[in-house]
Amino acid sequence: MIITLSDLLSGIRDRKALLGIVDTPERTEAMRNKGCNRTPKKRVMLARVDARARDAGVEPLKAYF
């Protein structure tokens, strides 16, 4: 059986609604990986991604590194 991404996302939204899960910035922040166990290599990569986004005039994704 083949399922499209839009069908998958629709199903996820429906299940979240049934469970009463509401996406809020506070909930998202609580679930965000705080990066305590990141390797030095991953921290450098995230810093580069952040710098490139800023150089391009794009708001970088929130990341802990």
PDB file of N, CA and C in Angstrom:
ATOM      1  N   MET A   1       0.835  -1.174   0.000  1.00  0.00           N
ATOM      2  CA  MET A   1       0.000   0.000   0.000  1.00  0.00           C
ATOM      3  C   MET A   1       0.887   1.247   0.000  1.00  0.00           C
ATOM      4  N   ILE A   2       0.545   2.199  -0.842  1.00  0.00           N
ATOM      5  CA  ILE A   2       1.293   3.441  -0.933  1.00  0.00           C
ATOM      6  C   ILE A   2       0.460   4.546  -0.293  1.00  0.00           C
ATOM      7  N   ILE A   3       1.103   5.327   0.557  1.00  0.00           N
ATOM      8  CA  ILE A   3       0.431   6.442   1.214  1.00  0.00           C
ATOM      9  C   ILE A   3       1.212   7.714   0.898  1.00  0.00           C
ATOM     10  N   THR A   4       0.502   8.779   0.607  1.00  0.00           N
ATOM     11  CA  THR A   4       1.176  10.045   0.298  1.00  0.00           C
ATOM     12  C   THR A   4       1.519  10.763   1.601  1.00  0.00           C
ATOM     13  N   LEU A   5       2.455  11.668   1.505  1.00  0.00           N
ATOM     14  CA  LEU A   5       2.845  12.443   2.676  1.00  0.00           C
ATOM     15  C   LEU A   5       1.667  13.259   3.204  1.00  0.00           C
ATOM     16  N   SER A   6       0.876  13.822   2.303  1.00  0.00           N
ATOM     17  CA  SER A   6      -0.269  14.623   2.755  1.00  0.00           C
ATOM     18  C   SER A   6      -1.292  13.753   3.482  1.00  0.00           C
ATOM     19  N   ASP A   7      -1.488  12.507   3.028  1.00  0.00           N
ATOM     20  CA  ASP A   7      -2.391  11.597   3.734  1.00  0.00           C
ATOM     21  C   ASP A   7      -1.838  11.233   5.110  1.00  0.00           C
ATOM     22  N   LEU A   8      -0.546  11.006   5.179  1.00  0.00           N
ATOM     23  CA  LEU A   8       0.087  10.685   6.450  1.00  0.00           C
ATOM     24  C   LEU A   8      -0.079  11.834   7.437  1.00  0.00           C
ATOM     25  N   LEU A   9       0.231  13.048   6.987  1.00  0.00           N
ATOM     26  CA  LEU A   9       0.115  14.213   7.864  1.00  0.00           C
ATOM     27  C   LEU A   9      -1.326  14.458   8.292  1.00  0.00           C
ATOM     28  N   SER A  10      -2.258  14.222   7.393  1.00  0.00           N
ATOM     29  CA  SER A  10      -3.666  14.372   7.729  1.00  0.00           C
ATOM     30  C   SER A  10      -4.064  13.385   8.818  1.00  0.00           C
ATOM     31  N   GLY A  11      -3.604  12.150   8.710  1.00  0.00           N
ATOM     32  CA  GLY A  11      -3.890  11.144   9.728  1.00  0.00           C
ATOM     33  C   GLY A  11      -3.287  11.504  11.074  1.00  0.00           C
ATOM     34  N   ILE A  12      -2.083  12.038  11.043  1.00  0.00           N
ATOM     35  CA  ILE A  12      -1.427  12.467  12.286  1.00  0.00           C
ATOM     36  C   ILE A  12      -2.221  13.591  12.935  1.00  0.00           C
ATOM     37  N   ARG A  13      -2.636  14.579  12.136  1.00  0.00           N
ATOM     38  CA  ARG A  13      -3.443  15.684  12.673  1.00  0.00           C
ATOM     39  C   ARG A  13      -4.740  15.173  13.288  1.00  0.00           C
ATOM     40  N   ASP A  14      -5.384  14.223  12.618  1.00  0.00           N
ATOM     41  CA  ASP A  14      -6.637  13.662  13.127  1.00  0.00           C
ATOM     42  C   ASP A  14      -6.426  12.939  14.453  1.00  0.00           C
ATOM     43  N   ARG A  15      -5.361  12.130  14.544  1.00  0.00           N
ATOM     44  CA  ARG A  15      -5.091  11.399  15.785  1.00  0.00           C
ATOM     45  C   ARG A  15      -4.749  12.361  16.923  1.00  0.00           C
ATOM     46  N   LYS A  16      -3.985  13.405  16.619  1.00  0.00           N
ATOM     47  CA  LYS A  16      -3.643  14.381  17.650  1.00  0.00           C
ATOM     48  C   LYS A  16      -4.903  15.082  18.166  1.00  0.00           C
ATOM     49  N   ALA A  17      -5.823  15.399  17.260  1.00  0.00           N
ATOM     50  CA  ALA A  17      -7.070  16.039  17.663  1.00  0.00           C
ATOM     51  C   ALA A  17      -7.884  15.108  18.559  1.00  0.00           C
ATOM     52  N   LEU A  18      -7.939  13.825  18.199  1.00  0.00           N
ATOM     53  CA  LEU A  18      -8.673  12.850  19.021  1.00  0.00           C
ATOM     54  C   LEU A  18      -8.075  12.718  20.417  1.00  0.00           C
ATOM     55  N   LEU A  19      -6.766  12.815  20.501  1.00  0.00           N
ATOM     56  CA  LEU A  19      -6.082  12.696  21.788  1.00  0.00           C
ATOM     57  C   LEU A  19      -6.046  14.007  22.565  1.00  0.00           C
ATOM     58  N   GLY A  20      -6.486  15.081  21.936  1.00  0.00           N
ATOM     59  CA  GLY A  20      -6.481  16.383  22.604  1.00  0.00           C
ATOM     60  C   GLY A  20      -5.116  17.037  22.662  1.00  0.00           C
ATOM     61  N   ILE A  21      -4.244  16.647  21.766  1.00  0.00           N
ATOM     62  CA  ILE A  21      -2.898  17.232  21.731  1.00  0.00           C
ATOM     63  C   ILE A  21      -2.948  18.512  20.913  1.00  0.00           C
ATOM     64  N   VAL A  22      -2.527  19.599  21.532  1.00  0.00           N
ATOM     65  CA  VAL A  22      -2.519  20.890  20.859  1.00  0.00           C
ATOM     66  C   VAL A  22      -1.075  21.360  20.776  1.00  0.00           C
ATOM     67  N   ASP A  23      -0.632  21.680  19.571  1.00  0.00           N
ATOM     68  CA  ASP A  23       0.728  22.179  19.400  1.00  0.00           C
ATOM     69  C   ASP A  23       0.785  23.651  19.775  1.00  0.00           C
ATOM     70  N   THR A  24       1.552  23.936  20.810  1.00  0.00           N
ATOM     71  CA  THR A  24       1.781  25.314  21.241  1.00  0.00           C
ATOM     72  C   THR A  24       3.295  25.521  21.298  1.00  0.00           C
ATOM     73  N   PRO A  25       3.744  26.762  21.266  1.00  0.00           N
ATOM     74  CA  PRO A  25       5.191  26.993  21.382  1.00  0.00           C
ATOM     75  C   PRO A  25       5.770  26.402  22.670  1.00  0.00           C
ATOM     76  N   GLU A  26       5.017  26.457  23.763  1.00  0.00           N
ATOM     77  CA  GLU A  26       5.506  25.921  25.037  1.00  0.00           C
ATOM     78  C   GLU A  26       5.671  24.398  24.966  1.00  0.00           C
ATOM     79  N   ARG A  27       4.698  23.735  24.351  1.00  0.00           N
ATOM     80  CA  ARG A  27       4.768  22.269  24.214  1.00  0.00           C
ATOM     81  C   ARG A  27       5.940  21.880  23.312  1.00  0.00           C
ATOM     82  N   THR A  28       6.110  22.608  22.228  1.00  0.00           N
ATOM     83  CA  THR A  28       7.213  22.330  21.313  1.00  0.00           C
ATOM     84  C   THR A  28       8.544  22.512  22.026  1.00  0.00           C
ATOM     85  N   GLU A  29       8.682  23.581  22.793  1.00  0.00           N
ATOM     86  CA  GLU A  29       9.925  23.848  23.511  1.00  0.00           C
ATOM     87  C   GLU A  29      10.206  22.749  24.533  1.00  0.00           C
ATOM     88  N   ALA A  30       9.177  22.269  25.210  1.00  0.00           N
ATOM     89  CA  ALA A  30       9.350  21.220  26.211  1.00  0.00           C
ATOM     90  C   ALA A  30       9.848  19.922  25.580  1.00  0.00           C
ATOM     91  N   MET A  31       9.468  19.661  24.342  1.00  0.00           N
ATOM     92  CA  MET A  31       9.864  18.425  23.670  1.00  0.00           C
ATOM     93  C   MET A  31      11.175  18.566  22.898  1.00  0.00           C
ATOM     94  N   ARG A  32      11.681  19.785  22.766  1.00  0.00           N
ATOM     95  CA  ARG A  32      12.888  20.031  21.983  1.00  0.00           C
ATOM     96  C   ARG A  32      14.109  19.378  22.639  1.00  0.00           C
ATOM     97  N   ASN A  33      14.966  18.814  21.829  1.00  0.00           N
ATOM     98  CA  ASN A  33      16.205  18.210  22.300  1.00  0.00           C
ATOM     99  C   ASN A  33      17.121  19.330  22.786  1.00  0.00           C
ATOM    100  N   LYS A  34      17.520  19.275  24.042  1.00  0.00           N
ATOM    101  CA  LYS A  34      18.350  20.329  24.625  1.00  0.00           C
ATOM    102  C   LYS A  34      19.823  20.192  24.264  1.00  0.00           C
ATOM    103  N   GLY A  35      20.208  19.094  23.648  1.00  0.00           N
ATOM    104  CA  GLY A  35      21.565  18.955  23.135  1.00  0.00           C
ATOM    105  C   GLY A  35      22.622  18.609  24.154  1.00  0.00           C
ATOM    106  N   CYS A  36      22.229  18.109  25.311  1.00  0.00           N
ATOM    107  CA  CYS A  36      23.214  17.804  26.359  1.00  0.00           C
ATOM    108  C   CYS A  36      24.222  16.749  25.937  1.00  0.00           C
ATOM    109  N   ASN A  37      23.835  15.842  25.060  1.00  0.00           N
ATOM    110  CA  ASN A  37      24.727  14.760  24.667  1.00  0.00           C
ATOM    111  C   ASN A  37      25.276  14.917  23.252  1.00  0.00           C
ATOM    112  N   ARG A  38      25.226  16.129  22.707  1.00  0.00           N
ATOM    113  CA  ARG A  38      25.720  16.335  21.344  1.00  0.00           C
ATOM    114  C   ARG A  38      27.231  16.176  21.292  1.00  0.00           C
ATOM    115  N   THR A  39      27.683  15.640  20.172  1.00  0.00           N
ATOM    116  CA  THR A  39      29.124  15.525  19.964  1.00  0.00           C
ATOM    117  C   THR A  39      29.663  16.902  19.555  1.00  0.00           C
ATOM    118  N   PRO A  40      30.949  17.134  19.777  1.00  0.00           N
ATOM    119  CA  PRO A  40      31.538  18.397  19.341  1.00  0.00           C
ATOM    120  C   PRO A  40      31.346  18.635  17.836  1.00  0.00           C
ATOM    121  N   LYS A  41      31.438  17.562  17.050  1.00  0.00           N
ATOM    122  CA  LYS A  41      31.271  17.677  15.605  1.00  0.00           C
ATOM    123  C   LYS A  41      29.856  18.170  15.258  1.00  0.00           C
ATOM    124  N   LYS A  42      28.848  17.652  15.948  1.00  0.00           N
ATOM    125  CA  LYS A  42      27.464  18.071  15.696  1.00  0.00           C
ATOM    126  C   LYS A  42      27.266  19.529  16.131  1.00  0.00           C
ATOM    127  N   ARG A  43      27.895  19.936  17.240  1.00  0.00           N
ATOM    128  CA  ARG A  43      27.775  21.330  17.692  1.00  0.00           C
ATOM    129  C   ARG A  43      28.354  22.296  16.653  1.00  0.00           C
ATOM    130  N   VAL A  44      29.491  21.931  16.073  1.00  0.00           N
ATOM    131  CA  VAL A  44      30.114  22.757  15.037  1.00  0.00           C
ATOM    132  C   VAL A  44      29.205  22.828  13.811  1.00  0.00           C
ATOM    133  N   MET A  45      28.613  21.700  13.430  1.00  0.00           N
ATOM    134  CA  MET A  45      27.724  21.671  12.268  1.00  0.00           C
ATOM    135  C   MET A  45      26.510  22.566  12.502  1.00  0.00           C
ATOM    136  N   LEU A  46      25.908  22.496  13.693  1.00  0.00           N
ATOM    137  CA  LEU A  46      24.748  23.332  13.998  1.00  0.00           C
ATOM    138  C   LEU A  46      25.115  24.824  14.004  1.00  0.00           C
ATOM    139  N   ALA A  47      26.294  25.134  14.489  1.00  0.00           N
ATOM    140  CA  ALA A  47      26.746  26.525  14.479  1.00  0.00           C
ATOM    141  C   ALA A  47      26.917  27.026  13.043  1.00  0.00           C
ATOM    142  N   ARG A  48      27.457  26.173  12.159  1.00  0.00           N
ATOM    143  CA  ARG A  48      27.606  26.553  10.746  1.00  0.00           C
ATOM    144  C   ARG A  48      26.243  26.775  10.093  1.00  0.00           C
ATOM    145  N   VAL A  49      25.292  25.885  10.376  1.00  0.00           N
ATOM    146  CA  VAL A  49      23.943  26.025   9.824  1.00  0.00           C
ATOM    147  C   VAL A  49      23.336  27.352  10.286  1.00  0.00           C
ATOM    148  N   ASP A  50      23.508  27.671  11.552  1.00  0.00           N
ATOM    149  CA  ASP A  50      22.990  28.916  12.114  1.00  0.00           C
ATOM    150  C   ASP A  50      23.617  30.133  11.420  1.00  0.00           C
ATOM    151  N   ALA A  51      24.930  30.103  11.259  1.00  0.00           N
ATOM    152  CA  ALA A  51      25.635  31.226  10.618  1.00  0.00           C
ATOM    153  C   ALA A  51      25.209  31.388   9.157  1.00  0.00           C
ATOM    154  N   ARG A  52      25.059  30.284   8.448  1.00  0.00           N
ATOM    155  CA  ARG A  52      24.646  30.364   7.039  1.00  0.00           C
ATOM    156  C   ARG A  52      23.243  30.943   6.903  1.00  0.00           C
ATOM    157  N   ALA A  53      22.353  30.556   7.803  1.00  0.00           N
ATOM    158  CA  ALA A  53      20.992  31.092   7.754  1.00  0.00           C
ATOM    159  C   ALA A  53      21.025  32.603   7.990  1.00  0.00           C
ATOM    160  N   ARG A  54      21.784  33.033   8.988  1.00  0.00           N
ATOM    161  CA  ARG A  54      21.876  34.473   9.279  1.00  0.00           C
ATOM    162  C   ARG A  54      22.485  35.239   8.097  1.00  0.00           C
ATOM    163  N   ASP A  55      23.521  34.675   7.482  1.00  0.00           N
ATOM    164  CA  ASP A  55      24.156  35.316   6.329  1.00  0.00           C
ATOM    165  C   ASP A  55      23.187  35.449   5.156  1.00  0.00           C
ATOM    166  N   ALA A  56      22.258  34.487   5.044  1.00  0.00           N
ATOM    167  CA  ALA A  56      21.277  34.511   3.955  1.00  0.00           C
ATOM    168  C   ALA A  56      20.063  35.373   4.302  1.00  0.00           C
ATOM    169  N   GLY A  57      20.066  35.935   5.517  1.00  0.00           N
ATOM    170  CA  GLY A  57      18.945  36.777   5.921  1.00  0.00           C
ATOM    171  C   GLY A  57      17.711  35.989   6.329  1.00  0.00           C
ATOM    172  N   VAL A  58      17.926  34.734   6.712  1.00  0.00           N
ATOM    173  CA  VAL A  58      16.824  33.855   7.116  1.00  0.00           C
ATOM    174  C   VAL A  58      16.901  33.653   8.623  1.00  0.00           C
ATOM    175  N   GLU A  59      15.750  33.660   9.275  1.00  0.00           N
ATOM    176  CA  GLU A  59      15.727  33.384  10.714  1.00  0.00           C
ATOM    177  C   GLU A  59      16.124  31.918  10.931  1.00  0.00           C
ATOM    178  N   PRO A  60      17.220  31.665  11.653  1.00  0.00           N
ATOM    179  CA  PRO A  60      17.649  30.280  11.850  1.00  0.00           C
ATOM    180  C   PRO A  60      16.674  29.517  12.739  1.00  0.00           C
ATOM    181  N   LEU A  61      16.669  28.197  12.575  1.00  0.00           N
ATOM    182  CA  LEU A  61      15.871  27.354  13.440  1.00  0.00           C
ATOM    183  C   LEU A  61      16.459  27.406  14.843  1.00  0.00           C
ATOM    184  N   LYS A  62      15.599  27.306  15.830  1.00  0.00           N
ATOM    185  CA  LYS A  62      16.086  27.319  17.207  1.00  0.00           C
ATOM    186  C   LYS A  62      16.783  26.007  17.471  1.00  0.00           C
ATOM    187  N   ALA A  63      18.023  26.076  17.916  1.00  0.00           N
ATOM    188  CA  ALA A  63      18.782  24.872  18.205  1.00  0.00           C
ATOM    189  C   ALA A  63      19.684  25.151  19.402  1.00  0.00           C
ATOM    190  N   TYR A  64      19.939  24.110  20.159  1.00  0.00           N
ATOM    191  CA  TYR A  64      20.867  24.203  21.279  1.00  0.00           C
ATOM    192  C   TYR A  64      22.161  23.554  20.840  1.00  0.00           C
ATOM    193  N   PHE A  65      23.265  24.326  20.927  1.00  0.00           N
ATOM    194  CA  PHE A  65      24.560  23.746  20.539  1.00  0.00           C
ATOM    195  C   PHE A  65      25.703  24.401  21.246  1.00  0.00           C
TER     196      PHE A  65
END
